[in-house]
Amino acid sequence: NFKPDIIVNFAAETHVDRSIDNPDNFINTNILGTANLLDCAFKYYKSKNSSTDFKFIHISTDEVYGSLDSTGYFYEDTPYAPNSPYSASKASSDHLVNAWHKTYGLPVLISNCSNNYGPYQFPEKLIPLLIANCFDQKDIPIYGDGSNIRDWLYVDDHCSAINSIIMHGAIGNSYNVGGNNEMTNVEIANTVC
């Protein structure tokens, strides 16, 4: 009924801890759900007039590359090295998106972004959890020694990047989107406090 020119797949199960507790949900949503959406998008694309532009944009994560080390950056050609059921399910969905492009010619773009933060974020995520615990005068949760490094990307900046990818991205390419704001979990906790 709507005849879209662009489909942006934001749908995903997220959060590493939940993926460890229940990987099946991540497999069903992130892998099988993406495959279903790709199949539907391809059927729709084939039914469209060939002169009409169409793009399938897949929103993924930089966690497909593994852990960020002291060098500070992932690149589009960084090898995939997922370390959790979450990142493995997102890596799988990235590979499916690329396969639909190479096998069927579906016009796709992939965004691999760093950790988003911003208003109304689900409270299981680190920054809103830290803020909520401070307000409630609860302990601040730090995993391990807190030295894990994450790059933080404000949600509005991510949305601007997605729009740029939609408008200017080359079909079949992946684009890393980061905030250029690498901090350890301890640094984030200290900043919030």
C-alpha atoms as a PDB file:
ATOM      1  CA  ASN A   1       0.000   0.000   0.000  1.00  0.00           C
ATOM      2  CA  PHE A   2       2.781   2.475   0.842  1.00  0.00           C
ATOM      3  CA  LYS A   3       5.248   1.827  -2.007  1.00  0.00           C
ATOM      4  CA  PRO A   4       8.415   2.990  -0.196  1.00  0.00           C
ATOM      5  CA  ASP A   5      11.573   4.017  -2.012  1.00  0.00           C
ATOM      6  CA  ILE A   6      13.679   3.266   1.062  1.00  0.00           C
ATOM      7  CA  ILE A   7      13.450   0.640   3.782  1.00  0.00           C
ATOM      8  CA  VAL A   8      15.620   1.247   6.850  1.00  0.00           C
ATOM      9  CA  ASN A   9      16.012  -1.833   9.037  1.00  0.00           C
ATOM     10  CA  PHE A  10      16.491  -0.594  12.611  1.00  0.00           C
ATOM     11  CA  ALA A  11      14.890  -3.756  14.030  1.00  0.00           C
ATOM     12  CA  ALA A  12      17.179  -5.708  16.340  1.00  0.00           C
ATOM     13  CA  GLU A  13      17.475  -7.409  19.655  1.00  0.00           C
ATOM     14  CA  THR A  14      20.273  -5.584  21.456  1.00  0.00           C
ATOM     15  CA  HIS A  15      22.362  -5.748  24.598  1.00  0.00           C
ATOM     16  CA  VAL A  16      25.174  -8.253  25.016  1.00  0.00           C
ATOM     17  CA  ASP A  17      24.095  -9.473  28.465  1.00  0.00           C
ATOM     18  CA  ARG A  18      20.595 -10.383  27.254  1.00  0.00           C
ATOM     19  CA  SER A  19      22.103 -12.223  24.276  1.00  0.00           C
ATOM     20  CA  ILE A  20      24.153 -14.373  26.634  1.00  0.00           C
ATOM     21  CA  ASP A  21      21.071 -15.220  28.709  1.00  0.00           C
ATOM     22  CA  ASN A  22      18.821 -15.952  25.711  1.00  0.00           C
ATOM     23  CA  PRO A  23      20.602 -16.233  22.343  1.00  0.00           C
ATOM     24  CA  ASP A  24      17.514 -17.704  20.630  1.00  0.00           C
ATOM     25  CA  ASN A  25      15.740 -14.323  20.635  1.00  0.00           C
ATOM     26  CA  PHE A  26      18.755 -12.753  18.939  1.00  0.00           C
ATOM     27  CA  ILE A  27      18.940 -15.482  16.311  1.00  0.00           C
ATOM     28  CA  ASN A  28      15.207 -15.202  15.596  1.00  0.00           C
ATOM     29  CA  THR A  29      15.088 -11.399  15.361  1.00  0.00           C
ATOM     30  CA  ASN A  30      18.506 -10.415  14.069  1.00  0.00           C
ATOM     31  CA  ILE A  31      19.142 -13.280  11.661  1.00  0.00           C
ATOM     32  CA  LEU A  32      15.788 -14.818  10.694  1.00  0.00           C
ATOM     33  CA  GLY A  33      13.962 -11.476  10.949  1.00  0.00           C
ATOM     34  CA  THR A  34      16.501  -9.808   8.664  1.00  0.00           C
ATOM     35  CA  ALA A  35      16.278 -12.696   6.180  1.00  0.00           C
ATOM     36  CA  ASN A  36      12.480 -12.354   6.123  1.00  0.00           C
ATOM     37  CA  LEU A  37      12.683  -8.590   5.629  1.00  0.00           C
ATOM     38  CA  LEU A  38      15.244  -9.007   2.842  1.00  0.00           C
ATOM     39  CA  ASP A  39      13.008 -11.535   1.106  1.00  0.00           C
ATOM     40  CA  CYS A  40      10.004  -9.202   1.312  1.00  0.00           C
ATOM     41  CA  ALA A  41      12.079  -6.210   0.196  1.00  0.00           C
ATOM     42  CA  PHE A  42      13.462  -8.129  -2.769  1.00  0.00           C
ATOM     43  CA  LYS A  43      10.001  -9.263  -3.913  1.00  0.00           C
ATOM     44  CA  TYR A  44       8.800  -5.679  -3.635  1.00  0.00           C
ATOM     45  CA  TYR A  45      11.888  -4.373  -5.475  1.00  0.00           C
ATOM     46  CA  LYS A  46      11.341  -6.813  -8.337  1.00  0.00           C
ATOM     47  CA  SER A  47       7.707  -5.737  -8.635  1.00  0.00           C
ATOM     48  CA  LYS A  48       8.627  -2.025  -8.921  1.00  0.00           C
ATOM     49  CA  ASN A  49       9.156  -0.195 -12.187  1.00  0.00           C
ATOM     50  CA  SER A  50      12.854  -0.559 -12.980  1.00  0.00           C
ATOM     51  CA  SER A  51      13.207   3.212 -13.431  1.00  0.00           C
ATOM     52  CA  THR A  52      12.210   3.784  -9.775  1.00  0.00           C
ATOM     53  CA  ASP A  53      15.007   4.044  -7.212  1.00  0.00           C
ATOM     54  CA  PHE A  54      14.917   1.737  -4.210  1.00  0.00           C
ATOM     55  CA  LYS A  55      17.333   1.199  -1.304  1.00  0.00           C
ATOM     56  CA  PHE A  56      17.458  -1.204   1.630  1.00  0.00           C
ATOM     57  CA  ILE A  57      19.454   0.294   4.524  1.00  0.00           C
ATOM     58  CA  HIS A  58      20.587  -2.099   7.257  1.00  0.00           C
ATOM     59  CA  ILE A  59      21.571  -0.603  10.619  1.00  0.00           C
ATOM     60  CA  SER A  60      24.210  -2.703  12.332  1.00  0.00           C
ATOM     61  CA  THR A  61      26.880  -2.304  14.993  1.00  0.00           C
ATOM     62  CA  ASP A  62      30.635  -1.941  15.279  1.00  0.00           C
ATOM     63  CA  GLU A  63      30.544  -4.861  17.722  1.00  0.00           C
ATOM     64  CA  VAL A  64      30.728  -7.160  14.673  1.00  0.00           C
ATOM     65  CA  TYR A  65      34.453  -6.242  14.632  1.00  0.00           C
ATOM     66  CA  GLY A  66      35.105  -7.440  18.175  1.00  0.00           C
ATOM     67  CA  SER A  67      36.624  -5.394  20.991  1.00  0.00           C
ATOM     68  CA  LEU A  68      37.926  -1.882  20.477  1.00  0.00           C
ATOM     69  CA  ASP A  69      41.540  -1.705  21.607  1.00  0.00           C
ATOM     70  CA  SER A  70      43.879   1.148  22.348  1.00  0.00           C
ATOM     71  CA  THR A  71      44.353   1.962  18.637  1.00  0.00           C
ATOM     72  CA  GLY A  72      40.878   3.454  18.807  1.00  0.00           C
ATOM     73  CA  TYR A  73      39.241   2.826  15.432  1.00  0.00           C
ATOM     74  CA  PHE A  74      37.521   0.209  13.328  1.00  0.00           C
ATOM     75  CA  TYR A  75      37.505   0.599   9.562  1.00  0.00           C
ATOM     76  CA  GLU A  76      35.148  -0.704   6.904  1.00  0.00           C
ATOM     77  CA  ASP A  77      37.744  -3.364   6.014  1.00  0.00           C
ATOM     78  CA  THR A  78      38.358  -4.459   9.630  1.00  0.00           C
ATOM     79  CA  PRO A  79      37.769  -8.241   9.751  1.00  0.00           C
ATOM     80  CA  TYR A  80      34.656  -9.413  11.561  1.00  0.00           C
ATOM     81  CA  ALA A  81      35.397 -10.944  14.979  1.00  0.00           C
ATOM     82  CA  PRO A  82      32.124 -11.066  16.961  1.00  0.00           C
ATOM     83  CA  ASN A  83      32.510 -11.984  20.632  1.00  0.00           C
ATOM     84  CA  SER A  84      28.923 -12.523  21.834  1.00  0.00           C
ATOM     85  CA  PRO A  85      25.651 -13.983  20.568  1.00  0.00           C
ATOM     86  CA  TYR A  86      24.506 -10.372  19.973  1.00  0.00           C
ATOM     87  CA  SER A  87      27.473  -9.400  17.805  1.00  0.00           C
ATOM     88  CA  ALA A  88      27.446 -12.772  16.034  1.00  0.00           C
ATOM     89  CA  SER A  89      23.761 -12.343  15.166  1.00  0.00           C
ATOM     90  CA  LYS A  90      24.413  -8.835  13.818  1.00  0.00           C
ATOM     91  CA  ALA A  91      27.441 -10.066  11.827  1.00  0.00           C
ATOM     92  CA  SER A  92      25.229 -12.803  10.380  1.00  0.00           C
ATOM     93  CA  SER A  93      22.590 -10.271   9.372  1.00  0.00           C
ATOM     94  CA  ASP A  94      25.266  -8.082   7.715  1.00  0.00           C
ATOM     95  CA  HIS A  95      26.408 -11.087   5.696  1.00  0.00           C
ATOM     96  CA  LEU A  96      22.819 -11.820   4.663  1.00  0.00           C
ATOM     97  CA  VAL A  97      22.334  -8.223   3.489  1.00  0.00           C
ATOM     98  CA  ASN A  98      25.519  -8.461   1.420  1.00  0.00           C
ATOM     99  CA  ALA A  99      24.424 -11.832   0.024  1.00  0.00           C
ATOM    100  CA  TRP A 100      21.047 -10.422  -1.115  1.00  0.00           C
ATOM    101  CA  HIS A 101      22.933  -7.646  -2.885  1.00  0.00           C
ATOM    102  CA  LYS A 102      25.488  -9.915  -4.575  1.00  0.00           C
ATOM    103  CA  THR A 103      23.128 -12.789  -5.356  1.00  0.00           C
ATOM    104  CA  TYR A 104      19.887 -10.994  -6.225  1.00  0.00           C
ATOM    105  CA  GLY A 105      20.989  -7.442  -6.987  1.00  0.00           C
ATOM    106  CA  LEU A 106      19.016  -5.877  -4.140  1.00  0.00           C
ATOM    107  CA  PRO A 107      20.344  -2.305  -3.681  1.00  0.00           C
ATOM    108  CA  VAL A 108      21.636  -2.254  -0.104  1.00  0.00           C
ATOM    109  CA  LEU A 109      23.688  -0.092   2.254  1.00  0.00           C
ATOM    110  CA  ILE A 110      24.966  -1.028   5.714  1.00  0.00           C
ATOM    111  CA  SER A 111      25.721   1.239   8.662  1.00  0.00           C
ATOM    112  CA  ASN A 112      27.953  -0.154  11.428  1.00  0.00           C
ATOM    113  CA  CYS A 113      27.640   2.317  14.277  1.00  0.00           C
ATOM    114  CA  SER A 114      29.241   2.666  17.670  1.00  0.00           C
ATOM    115  CA  ASN A 115      27.334   2.800  20.966  1.00  0.00           C
ATOM    116  CA  ASN A 116      24.404   5.207  20.785  1.00  0.00           C
ATOM    117  CA  TYR A 117      23.173   7.294  23.687  1.00  0.00           C
ATOM    118  CA  GLY A 118      20.449   9.880  24.032  1.00  0.00           C
ATOM    119  CA  PRO A 119      16.967  10.712  25.301  1.00  0.00           C
ATOM    120  CA  TYR A 120      14.516   7.906  26.130  1.00  0.00           C
ATOM    121  CA  GLN A 121      17.138   5.183  25.750  1.00  0.00           C
ATOM    122  CA  PHE A 122      16.167   1.891  27.351  1.00  0.00           C
ATOM    123  CA  PRO A 123      17.490   1.862  30.941  1.00  0.00           C
ATOM    124  CA  GLU A 124      19.441  -1.388  30.543  1.00  0.00           C
ATOM    125  CA  LYS A 125      22.015   0.559  28.493  1.00  0.00           C
ATOM    126  CA  LEU A 126      25.062   1.868  30.332  1.00  0.00           C
ATOM    127  CA  ILE A 127      24.544   5.647  30.351  1.00  0.00           C
ATOM    128  CA  PRO A 128      20.831   5.699  31.318  1.00  0.00           C
ATOM    129  CA  LEU A 129      21.496   2.949  33.887  1.00  0.00           C
ATOM    130  CA  LEU A 130      24.288   4.983  35.460  1.00  0.00           C
ATOM    131  CA  ILE A 131      22.081   8.088  35.543  1.00  0.00           C
ATOM    132  CA  ALA A 132      19.115   6.211  37.031  1.00  0.00           C
ATOM    133  CA  ASN A 133      21.301   4.595  39.686  1.00  0.00           C
ATOM    134  CA  CYS A 134      22.768   7.975  40.646  1.00  0.00           C
ATOM    135  CA  PHE A 135      19.287   9.456  41.059  1.00  0.00           C
ATOM    136  CA  ASP A 136      18.180   6.419  43.071  1.00  0.00           C
ATOM    137  CA  GLN A 137      21.421   6.435  45.111  1.00  0.00           C
ATOM    138  CA  LYS A 138      22.233   2.872  44.042  1.00  0.00           C
ATOM    139  CA  ASP A 139      25.620   1.333  43.338  1.00  0.00           C
ATOM    140  CA  ILE A 140      27.164   2.066  39.953  1.00  0.00           C
ATOM    141  CA  PRO A 141      27.564  -1.154  37.940  1.00  0.00           C
ATOM    142  CA  ILE A 142      31.006  -1.532  36.372  1.00  0.00           C
ATOM    143  CA  TYR A 143      31.885  -4.752  34.562  1.00  0.00           C
ATOM    144  CA  GLY A 144      35.331  -6.161  35.204  1.00  0.00           C
ATOM    145  CA  ASP A 145      37.859  -3.451  35.951  1.00  0.00           C
ATOM    146  CA  GLY A 146      35.995  -0.869  33.836  1.00  0.00           C
ATOM    147  CA  SER A 147      38.778  -0.555  31.279  1.00  0.00           C
ATOM    148  CA  ASN A 148      36.637  -1.663  28.307  1.00  0.00           C
ATOM    149  CA  ILE A 149      36.744   1.089  25.695  1.00  0.00           C
ATOM    150  CA  ARG A 150      33.625   2.136  23.809  1.00  0.00           C
ATOM    151  CA  ASP A 151      33.032   4.844  21.282  1.00  0.00           C
ATOM    152  CA  TRP A 152      29.928   6.907  22.101  1.00  0.00           C
ATOM    153  CA  LEU A 153      27.661   8.359  19.410  1.00  0.00           C
ATOM    154  CA  TYR A 154      24.792  10.738  20.160  1.00  0.00           C
ATOM    155  CA  VAL A 155      21.582   9.439  18.579  1.00  0.00           C
ATOM    156  CA  ASP A 156      20.874  12.636  16.577  1.00  0.00           C
ATOM    157  CA  ASP A 157      24.371  12.445  15.083  1.00  0.00           C
ATOM    158  CA  HIS A 158      23.719   8.822  14.135  1.00  0.00           C
ATOM    159  CA  CYS A 159      20.454   9.791  12.439  1.00  0.00           C
ATOM    160  CA  SER A 160      22.260  12.522  10.472  1.00  0.00           C
ATOM    161  CA  ALA A 161      24.843   9.961   9.369  1.00  0.00           C
ATOM    162  CA  ILE A 162      22.131   7.534   8.264  1.00  0.00           C
ATOM    163  CA  ASN A 163      20.527  10.301   6.229  1.00  0.00           C
ATOM    164  CA  SER A 164      23.907  11.036   4.586  1.00  0.00           C
ATOM    165  CA  ILE A 165      24.340   7.342   3.795  1.00  0.00           C
ATOM    166  CA  ILE A 166      20.853   7.221   2.261  1.00  0.00           C
ATOM    167  CA  MET A 167      21.477  10.336   0.172  1.00  0.00           C
ATOM    168  CA  HIS A 168      25.114   9.796  -0.836  1.00  0.00           C
ATOM    169  CA  GLY A 169      26.127   6.198  -0.079  1.00  0.00           C
ATOM    170  CA  ALA A 170      27.307   3.904  -2.846  1.00  0.00           C
ATOM    171  CA  ILE A 171      25.051   0.867  -3.230  1.00  0.00           C
ATOM    172  CA  GLY A 172      26.648  -2.288  -1.852  1.00  0.00           C
ATOM    173  CA  ASN A 173      28.922  -0.446   0.582  1.00  0.00           C
ATOM    174  CA  SER A 174      29.171  -0.483   4.356  1.00  0.00           C
ATOM    175  CA  TYR A 175      29.809   2.674   6.341  1.00  0.00           C
ATOM    176  CA  ASN A 176      31.195   2.868   9.871  1.00  0.00           C
ATOM    177  CA  VAL A 177      29.598   5.611  11.951  1.00  0.00           C
ATOM    178  CA  GLY A 178      31.320   6.677  15.144  1.00  0.00           C
ATOM    179  CA  GLY A 179      31.245   9.547  17.568  1.00  0.00           C
ATOM    180  CA  ASN A 180      35.038   9.939  17.777  1.00  0.00           C
ATOM    181  CA  ASN A 181      34.415   9.821  21.521  1.00  0.00           C
ATOM    182  CA  GLU A 182      36.228   6.781  22.914  1.00  0.00           C
ATOM    183  CA  MET A 183      36.025   6.366  26.671  1.00  0.00           C
ATOM    184  CA  THR A 184      36.453   3.543  29.161  1.00  0.00           C
ATOM    185  CA  ASN A 185      33.425   2.485  31.168  1.00  0.00           C
ATOM    186  CA  VAL A 186      35.072   3.964  34.282  1.00  0.00           C
ATOM    187  CA  GLU A 187      35.484   7.324  32.498  1.00  0.00           C
ATOM    188  CA  ILE A 188      31.795   7.253  31.531  1.00  0.00           C
ATOM    189  CA  ALA A 189      30.809   6.459  35.125  1.00  0.00           C
ATOM    190  CA  ASN A 190      32.982   9.275  36.474  1.00  0.00           C
ATOM    191  CA  THR A 191      31.529  11.708  33.924  1.00  0.00           C
ATOM    192  CA  VAL A 192      27.959  10.776  34.903  1.00  0.00           C
ATOM    193  CA  CYS A 193      28.762  11.062  38.621  1.00  0.00           C
END
